C-alpha atoms as a PDB file:
ATOM      1  CA  MET A   1      -4.534  49.821  35.520  1.00  0.00           C
ATOM      2  CA  ASN A   2      -7.182  47.273  34.556  1.00  0.00           C
ATOM      3  CA  GLY A   3      -8.862  49.886  32.396  1.00  0.00           C
ATOM      4  CA  LEU A   4      -5.594  50.597  30.660  1.00  0.00           C
ATOM      5  CA  LEU A   5      -5.173  46.912  29.915  1.00  0.00           C
ATOM      6  CA  LYS A   6      -8.697  46.728  28.575  1.00  0.00           C
ATOM      7  CA  LYS A   7      -8.105  49.725  26.311  1.00  0.00           C
ATOM      8  CA  ARG A   8      -4.906  48.184  25.033  1.00  0.00           C
ATOM      9  CA  ASN A   9      -6.253  44.639  24.911  1.00  0.00           C
ATOM     10  CA  GLY A  10      -6.465  44.461  21.125  1.00  0.00           C
ATOM     11  CA  PHE A  11      -2.941  45.789  20.688  1.00  0.00           C
ATOM     12  CA  ALA A  12      -1.578  43.509  23.415  1.00  0.00           C
ATOM     13  CA  VAL A  13      -3.113  40.391  21.836  1.00  0.00           C
ATOM     14  CA  ALA A  14      -1.796  41.335  18.392  1.00  0.00           C
ATOM     15  CA  ALA A  15       1.684  41.996  19.775  1.00  0.00           C
ATOM     16  CA  LEU A  16       1.676  38.694  21.669  1.00  0.00           C
ATOM     17  CA  THR A  17       0.565  36.771  18.574  1.00  0.00           C
ATOM     18  CA  ALA A  18       3.288  38.379  16.452  1.00  0.00           C
ATOM     19  CA  SER A  19       5.867  37.627  19.124  1.00  0.00           C
ATOM     20  CA  LEU A  20       4.886  33.948  19.302  1.00  0.00           C
ATOM     21  CA  LEU A  21       4.900  33.613  15.528  1.00  0.00           C
ATOM     22  CA  SER A  22       8.307  35.242  15.402  1.00  0.00           C
ATOM     23  CA  LEU A  23       9.666  32.720  17.864  1.00  0.00           C
ATOM     24  CA  PHE A  24       8.085  29.776  16.087  1.00  0.00           C
ATOM     25  CA  HIS A  25       8.571  30.700  12.452  1.00  0.00           C
ATOM     26  CA  GLY A  26      11.543  32.995  12.342  1.00  0.00           C
ATOM     27  CA  SER A  27       9.529  36.235  11.986  1.00  0.00           C
ATOM     28  CA  ALA A  28       6.813  34.692   9.779  1.00  0.00           C
ATOM     29  CA  TYR A  29       4.022  37.057  10.920  1.00  0.00           C
ATOM     30  CA  ALA A  30       0.577  36.426   9.536  1.00  0.00           C
ATOM     31  CA  ASP A  31       0.493  39.848   7.864  1.00  0.00           C
ATOM     32  CA  GLU A  32       3.856  39.152   6.184  1.00  0.00           C
ATOM     33  CA  CYS A  33       2.666  35.958   4.534  1.00  0.00           C
ATOM     34  CA  PRO A  34       3.031  36.350   0.739  1.00  0.00           C
ATOM     35  CA  SER A  35      -0.066  34.253   0.036  1.00  0.00           C
ATOM     36  CA  GLU A  36      -2.215  31.512   1.495  1.00  0.00           C
ATOM     37  CA  ASP A  37      -2.317  29.997  -1.995  1.00  0.00           C
ATOM     38  CA  PHE A  38       0.792  27.818  -2.223  1.00  0.00           C
ATOM     39  CA  SER A  39       1.118  28.353  -5.980  1.00  0.00           C
ATOM     40  CA  GLN A  40       1.488  32.078  -5.285  1.00  0.00           C
ATOM     41  CA  PHE A  41       3.500  31.620  -2.111  1.00  0.00           C
ATOM     42  CA  LEU A  42       6.284  29.520  -3.698  1.00  0.00           C
ATOM     43  CA  PRO A  43       7.519  32.144  -6.211  1.00  0.00           C
ATOM     44  CA  ALA A  44       7.584  34.756  -3.448  1.00  0.00           C
ATOM     45  CA  PHE A  45       9.375  32.426  -1.033  1.00  0.00           C
ATOM     46  CA  SER A  46      12.039  31.427  -3.563  1.00  0.00           C
ATOM     47  CA  ALA A  47      12.629  34.974  -4.806  1.00  0.00           C
ATOM     48  CA  ASN A  48      15.418  35.908  -2.378  1.00  0.00           C
ATOM     49  CA  ALA A  49      17.451  34.766   0.610  1.00  0.00           C
ATOM     50  CA  GLU A  50      15.781  37.100   3.115  1.00  0.00           C
ATOM     51  CA  THR A  51      12.292  35.789   2.391  1.00  0.00           C
ATOM     52  CA  GLN A  52      13.469  32.198   2.542  1.00  0.00           C
ATOM     53  CA  GLN A  53      15.162  32.782   5.891  1.00  0.00           C
ATOM     54  CA  ARG A  54      12.101  34.551   7.300  1.00  0.00           C
ATOM     55  CA  LEU A  55       9.737  31.756   6.271  1.00  0.00           C
ATOM     56  CA  THR A  56      11.876  28.821   7.397  1.00  0.00           C
ATOM     57  CA  ALA A  57      11.239  27.038  10.686  1.00  0.00           C
ATOM     58  CA  MET A  58      13.806  27.629  13.416  1.00  0.00           C
ATOM     59  CA  THR A  59      14.655  23.914  13.405  1.00  0.00           C
ATOM     60  CA  VAL A  60      14.573  22.144  10.044  1.00  0.00           C
ATOM     61  CA  LYS A  61      14.368  18.391   9.465  1.00  0.00           C
ATOM     62  CA  SER A  62      17.414  17.744   7.307  1.00  0.00           C
ATOM     63  CA  LEU A  63      17.774  14.505   5.324  1.00  0.00           C
ATOM     64  CA  VAL A  64      21.178  13.711   3.808  1.00  0.00           C
ATOM     65  CA  LEU A  65      22.740  10.577   2.333  1.00  0.00           C
ATOM     66  CA  LYS A  66      25.457   9.113   4.550  1.00  0.00           C
ATOM     67  CA  PRO A  67      27.870   6.193   3.990  1.00  0.00           C
ATOM     68  CA  VAL A  68      27.153   3.087   6.043  1.00  0.00           C
ATOM     69  CA  GLY A  69      29.868   0.477   6.566  1.00  0.00           C
ATOM     70  CA  GLU A  70      32.859   0.073   4.287  1.00  0.00           C
ATOM     71  CA  HIS A  71      31.272  -1.082   1.038  1.00  0.00           C
ATOM     72  CA  GLY A  72      30.043   2.113  -0.559  1.00  0.00           C
ATOM     73  CA  VAL A  73      26.535   1.744   0.824  1.00  0.00           C
ATOM     74  CA  PHE A  74      24.615   4.955   1.520  1.00  0.00           C
ATOM     75  CA  GLU A  75      21.455   5.494   3.547  1.00  0.00           C
ATOM     76  CA  PRO A  76      19.314   8.581   4.183  1.00  0.00           C
ATOM     77  CA  GLN A  77      19.672   9.981   7.698  1.00  0.00           C
ATOM     78  CA  THR A  78      17.495  12.728   9.189  1.00  0.00           C
ATOM     79  CA  THR A  79      18.509  15.197  11.888  1.00  0.00           C
ATOM     80  CA  GLY A  80      17.275  18.532  13.190  1.00  0.00           C
ATOM     81  CA  VAL A  81      19.300  21.532  12.020  1.00  0.00           C
ATOM     82  CA  LYS A  82      19.047  25.136  13.215  1.00  0.00           C
ATOM     83  CA  SER A  83      17.952  27.361  10.362  1.00  0.00           C
ATOM     84  CA  SER A  84      20.544  29.938  11.439  1.00  0.00           C
ATOM     85  CA  SER A  85      23.250  27.509  10.284  1.00  0.00           C
ATOM     86  CA  LEU A  86      21.782  26.973   6.808  1.00  0.00           C
ATOM     87  CA  PRO A  87      23.365  28.586   3.721  1.00  0.00           C
ATOM     88  CA  PHE A  88      20.595  30.818   2.391  1.00  0.00           C
ATOM     89  CA  PRO A  89      19.287  30.999  -0.255  1.00  0.00           C
ATOM     90  CA  LEU A  90      18.299  27.338  -0.115  1.00  0.00           C
ATOM     91  CA  MET A  91      16.300  27.318  -3.338  1.00  0.00           C
ATOM     92  CA  SER A  92      16.734  28.991  -6.703  1.00  0.00           C
ATOM     93  CA  PRO A  93      13.824  31.182  -7.856  1.00  0.00           C
ATOM     94  CA  VAL A  94      10.713  29.391  -9.054  1.00  0.00           C
ATOM     95  CA  GLY A  95       8.435  31.162 -11.537  1.00  0.00           C
ATOM     96  CA  THR A  96       4.705  31.719 -11.239  1.00  0.00           C
ATOM     97  CA  ASP A  97       4.233  29.442 -14.262  1.00  0.00           C
ATOM     98  CA  LYS A  98       5.530  25.889 -14.517  1.00  0.00           C
ATOM     99  CA  THR A  99       9.296  25.795 -13.984  1.00  0.00           C
ATOM    100  CA  GLU A 100      11.207  23.074 -15.826  1.00  0.00           C
ATOM    101  CA  GLY A 101      12.829  20.653 -13.407  1.00  0.00           C
ATOM    102  CA  VAL A 102      10.559  21.613 -10.489  1.00  0.00           C
ATOM    103  CA  VAL A 103       7.631  19.424  -9.426  1.00  0.00           C
ATOM    104  CA  VAL A 104       5.144  20.601  -6.805  1.00  0.00           C
ATOM    105  CA  GLU A 105       3.389  17.785  -4.947  1.00  0.00           C
ATOM    106  CA  ALA A 106       0.313  18.367  -2.789  1.00  0.00           C
ATOM    107  CA  ILE A 107       0.361  15.989   0.173  1.00  0.00           C
ATOM    108  CA  ASP A 108      -2.807  17.453   1.673  1.00  0.00           C
ATOM    109  CA  ASP A 109      -4.283  20.924   2.184  1.00  0.00           C
ATOM    110  CA  SER A 110      -1.595  21.783   4.732  1.00  0.00           C
ATOM    111  CA  HIS A 111       1.503  20.117   3.288  1.00  0.00           C
ATOM    112  CA  PHE A 112       3.344  20.515  -0.022  1.00  0.00           C
ATOM    113  CA  ASN A 113       6.612  19.095  -1.290  1.00  0.00           C
ATOM    114  CA  VAL A 114       8.701  20.841  -3.914  1.00  0.00           C
ATOM    115  CA  VAL A 115      10.984  18.429  -5.824  1.00  0.00           C
ATOM    116  CA  ASP A 116      13.825  20.359  -7.433  1.00  0.00           C
ATOM    117  CA  LYS A 117      15.637  18.411 -10.174  1.00  0.00           C
ATOM    118  CA  ARG A 118      17.185  21.412 -11.897  1.00  0.00           C
ATOM    119  CA  ALA A 119      20.696  20.336 -10.884  1.00  0.00           C
ATOM    120  CA  GLY A 120      20.178  16.838 -12.325  1.00  0.00           C
ATOM    121  CA  ASN A 121      19.135  13.482 -10.888  1.00  0.00           C
ATOM    122  CA  SER A 122      22.368  13.244  -8.907  1.00  0.00           C
ATOM    123  CA  ASN A 123      21.547  16.428  -7.003  1.00  0.00           C
ATOM    124  CA  ILE A 124      17.820  16.305  -6.275  1.00  0.00           C
ATOM    125  CA  LYS A 125      16.500  18.316  -3.357  1.00  0.00           C
ATOM    126  CA  ILE A 126      13.019  18.094  -1.869  1.00  0.00           C
ATOM    127  CA  PHE A 127      11.638  20.976   0.176  1.00  0.00           C
ATOM    128  CA  ASN A 128       8.869  20.171   2.675  1.00  0.00           C
ATOM    129  CA  PHE A 129       6.380  22.948   3.478  1.00  0.00           C
ATOM    130  CA  SER A 130       3.581  23.009   6.043  1.00  0.00           C
ATOM    131  CA  ARG A 131       0.754  25.521   6.552  1.00  0.00           C
ATOM    132  CA  GLN A 132       0.878  27.190   9.952  1.00  0.00           C
ATOM    133  CA  ALA A 133       0.407  30.953  10.473  1.00  0.00           C
ATOM    134  CA  CYS A 134       1.896  31.027   6.972  1.00  0.00           C
ATOM    135  CA  TRP A 135       3.498  28.458   4.737  1.00  0.00           C
ATOM    136  CA  VAL A 136       6.777  27.467   6.376  1.00  0.00           C
ATOM    137  CA  LEU A 137       9.725  25.438   5.124  1.00  0.00           C
ATOM    138  CA  GLU A 138      10.111  22.687   7.710  1.00  0.00           C
ATOM    139  CA  GLY A 139      12.233  20.064   5.968  1.00  0.00           C
ATOM    140  CA  ILE A 140      14.958  19.694   3.335  1.00  0.00           C
ATOM    141  CA  GLU A 141      15.867  16.383   1.704  1.00  0.00           C
ATOM    142  CA  ASP A 142      19.223  16.353  -0.060  1.00  0.00           C
ATOM    143  CA  TRP A 143      19.533  13.258  -2.279  1.00  0.00           C
ATOM    144  CA  SER A 144      23.031  14.034  -3.504  1.00  0.00           C
ATOM    145  CA  ILE A 145      26.218  12.189  -2.526  1.00  0.00           C
ATOM    146  CA  ARG A 146      28.907  14.538  -1.382  1.00  0.00           C
ATOM    147  CA  GLU A 147      32.469  14.149  -2.572  1.00  0.00           C
ATOM    148  CA  LYS A 148      33.805  14.182   0.995  1.00  0.00           C
ATOM    149  CA  ASP A 149      31.889  10.931   1.641  1.00  0.00           C
ATOM    150  CA  LEU A 150      33.553   9.140  -1.274  1.00  0.00           C
ATOM    151  CA  VAL A 151      36.851   7.271  -1.228  1.00  0.00           C
ATOM    152  CA  GLU A 152      39.874   8.368  -3.186  1.00  0.00           C
ATOM    153  CA  ALA A 153      41.001   5.332  -5.157  1.00  0.00           C
ATOM    154  CA  SER A 154      43.468   4.709  -7.939  1.00  0.00           C
ATOM    155  CA  ASN A 155      42.213   3.153 -11.160  1.00  0.00           C
ATOM    156  CA  ALA A 156      44.254   2.649 -14.297  1.00  0.00           C
ATOM    157  CA  HIS A 157      41.295   3.562 -16.491  1.00  0.00           C
ATOM    158  CA  MET A 158      39.600   6.370 -14.585  1.00  0.00           C
ATOM    159  CA  SER A 159      40.440   9.860 -13.488  1.00  0.00           C
ATOM    160  CA  GLU A 160      39.557  10.858  -9.932  1.00  0.00           C
ATOM    161  CA  ALA A 161      36.341  12.503 -11.136  1.00  0.00           C
ATOM    162  CA  GLU A 162      35.358   9.400 -13.109  1.00  0.00           C
ATOM    163  CA  ASN A 163      36.106   7.228 -10.093  1.00  0.00           C
ATOM    164  CA  PHE A 164      33.805   9.387  -7.976  1.00  0.00           C
ATOM    165  CA  CYS A 165      31.147   8.975 -10.676  1.00  0.00           C
ATOM    166  CA  PHE A 166      31.500   5.197 -10.438  1.00  0.00           C
ATOM    167  CA  GLN A 167      31.113   5.261  -6.663  1.00  0.00           C
ATOM    168  CA  ARG A 168      28.027   7.457  -6.926  1.00  0.00           C
ATOM    169  CA  ALA A 169      26.582   5.132  -9.572  1.00  0.00           C
ATOM    170  CA  GLU A 170      27.011   2.116  -7.301  1.00  0.00           C
ATOM    171  CA  ALA A 171      25.478   3.933  -4.342  1.00  0.00           C
ATOM    172  CA  PHE A 172      22.480   5.265  -6.293  1.00  0.00           C
ATOM    173  CA  ARG A 173      21.840   1.832  -7.815  1.00  0.00           C
ATOM    174  CA  GLY A 174      21.881   0.316  -4.335  1.00  0.00           C
ATOM    175  CA  LEU A 175      19.367   2.871  -3.068  1.00  0.00           C
ATOM    176  CA  GLY A 176      17.115   2.398  -6.091  1.00  0.00           C
ATOM    177  CA  GLY A 177      17.289  -1.375  -5.792  1.00  0.00           C
ATOM    178  CA  LEU A 178      15.675  -1.212  -2.358  1.00  0.00           C
ATOM    179  CA  GLU A 179      12.520   0.189  -4.013  1.00  0.00           C
ATOM    180  CA  GLN A 180      11.469   1.832  -0.759  1.00  0.00           C
ATOM    181  CA  TYR A 181      12.093   5.494  -1.536  1.00  0.00           C
ATOM    182  CA  ARG A 182       9.784   7.790  -3.471  1.00  0.00           C
ATOM    183  CA  LEU A 183      12.639   8.695  -5.844  1.00  0.00           C
ATOM    184  CA  THR A 184      13.307   5.108  -6.956  1.00  0.00           C
ATOM    185  CA  GLY A 185      13.112   5.958 -10.676  1.00  0.00           C
ATOM    186  CA  GLU A 186      15.286   9.044 -10.284  1.00  0.00           C
ATOM    187  CA  LEU A 187      17.854   7.073  -8.268  1.00  0.00           C
ATOM    188  CA  PHE A 188      18.247   4.545 -11.092  1.00  0.00           C
ATOM    189  CA  GLU A 189      18.513   7.395 -13.594  1.00  0.00           C
ATOM    190  CA  ALA A 190      21.207   8.999 -11.444  1.00  0.00           C
ATOM    191  CA  SER A 191      23.030   5.664 -11.334  1.00  0.00           C
ATOM    192  CA  LEU A 192      22.988   5.340 -15.124  1.00  0.00           C
ATOM    193  CA  GLU A 193      24.167   8.936 -15.584  1.00  0.00           C
ATOM    194  CA  ASN A 194      27.099   8.315 -13.261  1.00  0.00           C
ATOM    195  CA  TYR A 195      27.990   4.967 -14.847  1.00  0.00           C
ATOM    196  CA  LEU A 196      28.120   6.734 -18.213  1.00  0.00           C
ATOM    197  CA  CYS A 197      30.368   9.390 -16.688  1.00  0.00           C
ATOM    198  CA  ALA A 198      32.732   6.658 -15.454  1.00  0.00           C
ATOM    199  CA  ALA A 199      32.441   4.661 -18.685  1.00  0.00           C
ATOM    200  CA  ALA A 200      33.699   7.640 -20.666  1.00  0.00           C
ATOM    201  CA  SER A 201      37.126   6.460 -19.495  1.00  0.00           C
ATOM    202  CA  GLY A 202      36.639   3.140 -21.302  1.00  0.00           C
ATOM    203  CA  ASP A 203      36.603   1.240 -18.001  1.00  0.00           C
ATOM    204  CA  PRO A 204      35.177  -2.252 -18.695  1.00  0.00           C
ATOM    205  CA  GLN A 205      33.213  -2.628 -15.455  1.00  0.00           C
ATOM    206  CA  ALA A 206      31.643   0.822 -15.638  1.00  0.00           C
ATOM    207  CA  SER A 207      30.759   0.157 -19.284  1.00  0.00           C
ATOM    208  CA  LEU A 208      29.172  -3.204 -18.456  1.00  0.00           C
ATOM    209  CA  ASN A 209      27.175  -1.749 -15.582  1.00  0.00           C
ATOM    210  CA  ALA A 210      25.914   1.143 -17.696  1.00  0.00           C
ATOM    211  CA  ALA A 211      24.788  -1.090 -20.560  1.00  0.00           C
ATOM    212  CA  SER A 212      23.221  -3.665 -18.245  1.00  0.00           C
ATOM    213  CA  LEU A 213      21.295  -1.031 -16.282  1.00  0.00           C
ATOM    214  CA  SER A 214      20.060   0.485 -19.541  1.00  0.00           C
ATOM    215  CA  LEU A 215      18.611  -2.894 -20.566  1.00  0.00           C
ATOM    216  CA  SER A 216      17.189  -3.694 -17.131  1.00  0.00           C
ATOM    217  CA  GLY A 217      14.065  -1.588 -17.567  1.00  0.00           C
ATOM    218  CA  MET A 218      14.843   0.290 -14.351  1.00  0.00           C
ATOM    219  CA  ALA A 219      16.511   3.237 -16.115  1.00  0.00           C
ATOM    220  CA  PRO A 220      16.027   4.942 -19.489  1.00  0.00           C
ATOM    221  CA  GLN A 221      17.110   2.766 -22.401  1.00  0.00           C
ATOM    222  CA  LEU A 222      20.125   4.017 -24.297  1.00  0.00           C
ATOM    223  CA  GLU A 223      20.352   4.009 -28.072  1.00  0.00           C
ATOM    224  CA  THR A 224      21.354   0.712 -29.658  1.00  0.00           C
ATOM    225  CA  ASN A 225      24.703   2.001 -30.928  1.00  0.00           C
ATOM    226  CA  LYS A 226      25.599   3.304 -27.465  1.00  0.00           C
ATOM    227  CA  VAL A 227      24.770  -0.004 -25.774  1.00  0.00           C
ATOM    228  CA  GLU A 228      26.873  -1.894 -28.327  1.00  0.00           C
ATOM    229  CA  GLN A 229      29.773   0.500 -27.738  1.00  0.00           C
ATOM    230  CA  LEU A 230      29.552  -0.057 -23.978  1.00  0.00           C
ATOM    231  CA  PHE A 231      29.391  -3.843 -24.263  1.00  0.00           C
ATOM    232  CA  LYS A 232      32.386  -3.834 -26.616  1.00  0.00           C
ATOM    233  CA  ALA A 233      34.367  -1.876 -24.027  1.00  0.00           C
ATOM    234  CA  ALA A 234      33.291  -4.352 -21.350  1.00  0.00           C
ATOM    235  CA  ALA A 235      34.234  -7.317 -23.559  1.00  0.00           C
ATOM    236  CA  THR A 236      37.887  -6.278 -23.750  1.00  0.00           C
ATOM    237  CA  THR A 237      38.697  -7.854 -20.377  1.00  0.00           C
ATOM    238  CA  LEU A 238      35.478  -9.160 -18.789  1.00  0.00           C
ATOM    239  CA  PRO A 239      34.020 -12.570 -19.736  1.00  0.00           C
ATOM    240  CA  GLU A 240      30.621 -11.334 -18.553  1.00  0.00           C
ATOM    241  CA  GLY A 241      31.032  -8.355 -20.854  1.00  0.00           C
ATOM    242  CA  ALA A 242      31.775 -10.579 -23.863  1.00  0.00           C
ATOM    243  CA  MET A 243      28.816 -12.845 -23.031  1.00  0.00           C
ATOM    244  CA  SER A 244      26.553  -9.820 -22.683  1.00  0.00           C
ATOM    245  CA  LEU A 245      27.798  -8.568 -26.046  1.00  0.00           C
ATOM    246  CA  SER A 246      26.957 -11.970 -27.552  1.00  0.00           C
ATOM    247  CA  LEU A 247      23.395 -11.784 -26.190  1.00  0.00           C
ATOM    248  CA  PHE A 248      23.097  -8.211 -27.390  1.00  0.00           C
ATOM    249  CA  TYR A 249      24.057  -9.220 -30.922  1.00  0.00           C
ATOM    250  CA  CYS A 250      21.185 -11.697 -30.831  1.00  0.00           C
ATOM    251  CA  ASP A 251      18.460  -9.678 -29.105  1.00  0.00           C
ATOM    252  CA  GLY A 252      19.485  -6.029 -29.411  1.00  0.00           C
ATOM    253  CA  ASN A 253      17.647  -3.776 -26.969  1.00  0.00           C
ATOM    254  CA  ASN A 254      14.750  -6.254 -26.768  1.00  0.00           C
ATOM    255  CA  VAL A 255      16.040  -8.500 -23.997  1.00  0.00           C
ATOM    256  CA  SER A 256      12.804 -10.521 -23.873  1.00  0.00           C
ATOM    257  CA  SER A 257      12.861 -11.382 -27.558  1.00  0.00           C
ATOM    258  CA  ASP A 258      12.166 -14.981 -28.630  1.00  0.00           C
ATOM    259  CA  ALA A 259      13.064 -14.274 -32.247  1.00  0.00           C
ATOM    260  CA  PRO A 260      16.042 -15.928 -33.957  1.00  0.00           C
ATOM    261  CA  CYS A 261      19.448 -14.359 -33.331  1.00  0.00           C
ATOM    262  CA  GLN A 262      19.778 -11.153 -35.336  1.00  0.00           C
ATOM    263  CA  HIS A 263      23.552 -11.337 -35.830  1.00  0.00           C
ATOM    264  CA  PRO A 264      24.627 -14.949 -35.194  1.00  0.00           C
ATOM    265  CA  GLU A 265      28.180 -14.639 -36.534  1.00  0.00           C
ATOM    266  CA  GLU A 266      29.010 -11.692 -34.277  1.00  0.00           C
ATOM    267  CA  ALA A 267      27.259 -13.408 -31.357  1.00  0.00           C
ATOM    268  CA  GLU A 268      29.313 -16.597 -31.793  1.00  0.00           C
ATOM    269  CA  GLU A 269      32.534 -14.608 -32.046  1.00  0.00           C
ATOM    270  CA  ALA A 270      31.770 -12.703 -28.818  1.00  0.00           C
ATOM    271  CA  LEU A 271      30.820 -15.909 -26.989  1.00  0.00           C
ATOM    272  CA  THR A 272      34.057 -17.544 -28.159  1.00  0.00           C
ATOM    273  CA  GLN A 273      35.944 -14.506 -26.874  1.00  0.00           C
ATOM    274  CA  ALA A 274      34.327 -14.966 -23.456  1.00  0.00           C
ATOM    275  CA  ALA A 275      35.303 -18.636 -23.399  1.00  0.00           C
ATOM    276  CA  ARG A 276      38.896 -17.792 -24.331  1.00  0.00           C
ATOM    277  CA  MET A 277      39.054 -15.651 -21.186  1.00  0.00           C
ATOM    278  CA  GLY A 278      38.749 -18.885 -19.209  1.00  0.00           C
ATOM    279  CA  ASP A 279      35.188 -18.464 -17.984  1.00  0.00           C
ATOM    280  CA  ALA A 280      33.557 -21.841 -17.314  1.00  0.00           C
ATOM    281  CA  PHE A 281      30.009 -20.564 -17.783  1.00  0.00           C
ATOM    282  CA  ALA A 282      30.872 -19.026 -21.159  1.00  0.00           C
ATOM    283  CA  THR A 283      32.701 -22.174 -22.254  1.00  0.00           C
ATOM    284  CA  ASN A 284      29.676 -24.286 -21.368  1.00  0.00           C
ATOM    285  CA  ALA A 285      27.416 -21.874 -23.279  1.00  0.00           C
ATOM    286  CA  LEU A 286      29.703 -22.082 -26.290  1.00  0.00           C
ATOM    287  CA  GLY A 287      29.540 -25.876 -26.135  1.00  0.00           C
ATOM    288  CA  ARG A 288      25.756 -25.726 -26.084  1.00  0.00           C
ATOM    289  CA  ALA A 289      25.778 -23.378 -29.089  1.00  0.00           C
ATOM    290  CA  PHE A 290      27.997 -25.824 -31.015  1.00  0.00           C
ATOM    291  CA  GLU A 291      25.764 -28.759 -30.063  1.00  0.00           C
ATOM    292  CA  THR A 292      22.497 -27.100 -31.105  1.00  0.00           C
ATOM    293  CA  GLY A 293      23.811 -24.931 -33.926  1.00  0.00           C
ATOM    294  CA  GLU A 294      21.711 -22.056 -32.594  1.00  0.00           C
ATOM    295  CA  LEU A 295      24.272 -19.497 -33.760  1.00  0.00           C
ATOM    296  CA  VAL A 296      26.436 -20.444 -36.784  1.00  0.00           C
ATOM    297  CA  THR A 297      28.532 -23.521 -36.108  1.00  0.00           C
ATOM    298  CA  LYS A 298      26.995 -26.946 -35.433  1.00  0.00           C
ATOM    299  CA  ASP A 299      29.791 -29.333 -34.491  1.00  0.00           C
ATOM    300  CA  MET A 300      29.359 -32.060 -31.876  1.00  0.00           C
ATOM    301  CA  SER A 301      33.107 -32.715 -31.591  1.00  0.00           C
ATOM    302  CA  ARG A 302      33.715 -29.053 -30.687  1.00  0.00           C
ATOM    303  CA  ALA A 303      30.714 -29.065 -28.369  1.00  0.00           C
ATOM    304  CA  ILE A 304      32.166 -32.008 -26.424  1.00  0.00           C
ATOM    305  CA  ALA A 305      35.582 -30.353 -26.311  1.00  0.00           C
ATOM    306  CA  CYS A 306      33.980 -27.245 -24.783  1.00  0.00           C
ATOM    307  CA  TYR A 307      31.969 -29.318 -22.303  1.00  0.00           C
ATOM    308  CA  GLN A 308      35.098 -31.170 -21.209  1.00  0.00           C
ATOM    309  CA  LEU A 309      37.047 -27.940 -20.826  1.00  0.00           C
ATOM    310  CA  ALA A 310      34.262 -26.305 -18.842  1.00  0.00           C
ATOM    311  CA  ALA A 311      33.863 -29.426 -16.673  1.00  0.00           C
ATOM    312  CA  GLN A 312      37.541 -29.225 -15.782  1.00  0.00           C
ATOM    313  CA  LYS A 313      36.852 -25.672 -14.584  1.00  0.00           C
ATOM    314  CA  GLY A 314      34.032 -26.909 -12.357  1.00  0.00           C
ATOM    315  CA  SER A 315      30.981 -26.285 -14.551  1.00  0.00           C
ATOM    316  CA  LYS A 316      28.194 -28.525 -13.234  1.00  0.00           C
ATOM    317  CA  GLY A 317      26.173 -27.814 -16.348  1.00  0.00           C
ATOM    318  CA  SER A 318      28.928 -29.201 -18.571  1.00  0.00           C
ATOM    319  CA  ILE A 319      29.287 -32.293 -16.386  1.00  0.00           C
ATOM    320  CA  ALA A 320      25.545 -32.891 -16.801  1.00  0.00           C
ATOM    321  CA  HIS A 321      25.814 -32.452 -20.589  1.00  0.00           C
ATOM    322  CA  LEU A 322      28.649 -34.997 -20.804  1.00  0.00           C
ATOM    323  CA  GLU A 323      26.680 -37.493 -18.716  1.00  0.00           C
ATOM    324  CA  ARG A 324      23.638 -36.995 -20.948  1.00  0.00           C
ATOM    325  CA  LEU A 325      25.668 -37.568 -24.117  1.00  0.00           C
ATOM    326  CA  ASN A 326      27.346 -40.672 -22.665  1.00  0.00           C
ATOM    327  CA  LYS A 327      23.919 -42.245 -22.146  1.00  0.00           C
ATOM    328  CA  GLN A 328      23.021 -41.989 -25.812  1.00  0.00           C
ATOM    329  CA  PRO A 329      23.162 -45.249 -27.821  1.00  0.00           C
ATOM    330  CA  ALA A 330      26.034 -44.050 -29.957  1.00  0.00           C
ATOM    331  CA  GLY A 331      27.932 -42.888 -26.899  1.00  0.00           C
ATOM    332  CA  ILE A 332      29.924 -39.721 -26.754  1.00  0.00           C
ATOM    333  CA  ALA A 333      31.670 -38.508 -29.891  1.00  0.00           C
ATOM    334  CA  LYS A 334      35.375 -37.791 -30.010  1.00  0.00           C
ATOM    335  CA  ALA A 335      36.313 -34.291 -28.902  1.00  0.00           C
ATOM    336  CA  SER A 336      38.210 -32.033 -31.283  1.00  0.00           C
ATOM    337  CA  TYR A 337      38.831 -28.464 -30.062  1.00  0.00           C
ATOM    338  CA  CYS A 338      36.689 -25.860 -28.365  1.00  0.00           C
ATOM    339  CA  TYR A 339      38.174 -22.618 -29.682  1.00  0.00           C
END
């Protein structure tokens, strides 16, 4: 018997090794490994569902975005998922040459991440591979926000799809604002894309958020005409939108500009529109513009009228301006009208 075992020792060891690998890697035998070179392995792995299933770990670390609380906040949560429950194929085919929308990141000699952006920034997936008997898919990060996790809400301006876009935009902006995830830039881009989707309805808040994010430097900057269009939509009902439009008429896409106002007449008109909406901050700003003449009109009587109106609305800045003017030798001038 011992002799028989010795004669069959090589076969027995090989069979045992294959059996262990099968248990650990879902049939990923060493002799079935497409390539030890990850650049050659990836096209073979992604080619079909059977290969993906065979070279996926039995338990996969699955990251998904989940809602937290009741305010549209999402956080990534990771759990272990049986590969038998996954919907193969998990990844679309990747070519042997560079594939547009796919980024391969080498973590170290034994770990690679494949960032798949082919479905857009709102649907990024990251596939985590490790080198064991063969390269094995051990983790999947899904940075999309599923519709079932969003809230159905009625909005006079938006369709249901546009409303879902707005919710996604808010959630992605919140995740990007934390600046603690490797996809921070992509999260802000996804937020802008979704705000633009929602703003297609003409919704003032979605329009304001899209334009503001574009000028923030955190997301790609939109063309000047598009930003103006968005701010005009926001200015229809939002004082902040009209004030932002006023600033835009002065500075354009260069928010850090110290140059004189480019379009002072349009800027003054938009600021007056914001004040007419009853906003104390805008009314105070309009008063300051009238006092200094930094836009078009220089009129102290109108400036004082604006300061008084804003002070009645609780503007501490306007109260301070009125106190300053009262201390001047000539005293405070007589107020006329603000707008």
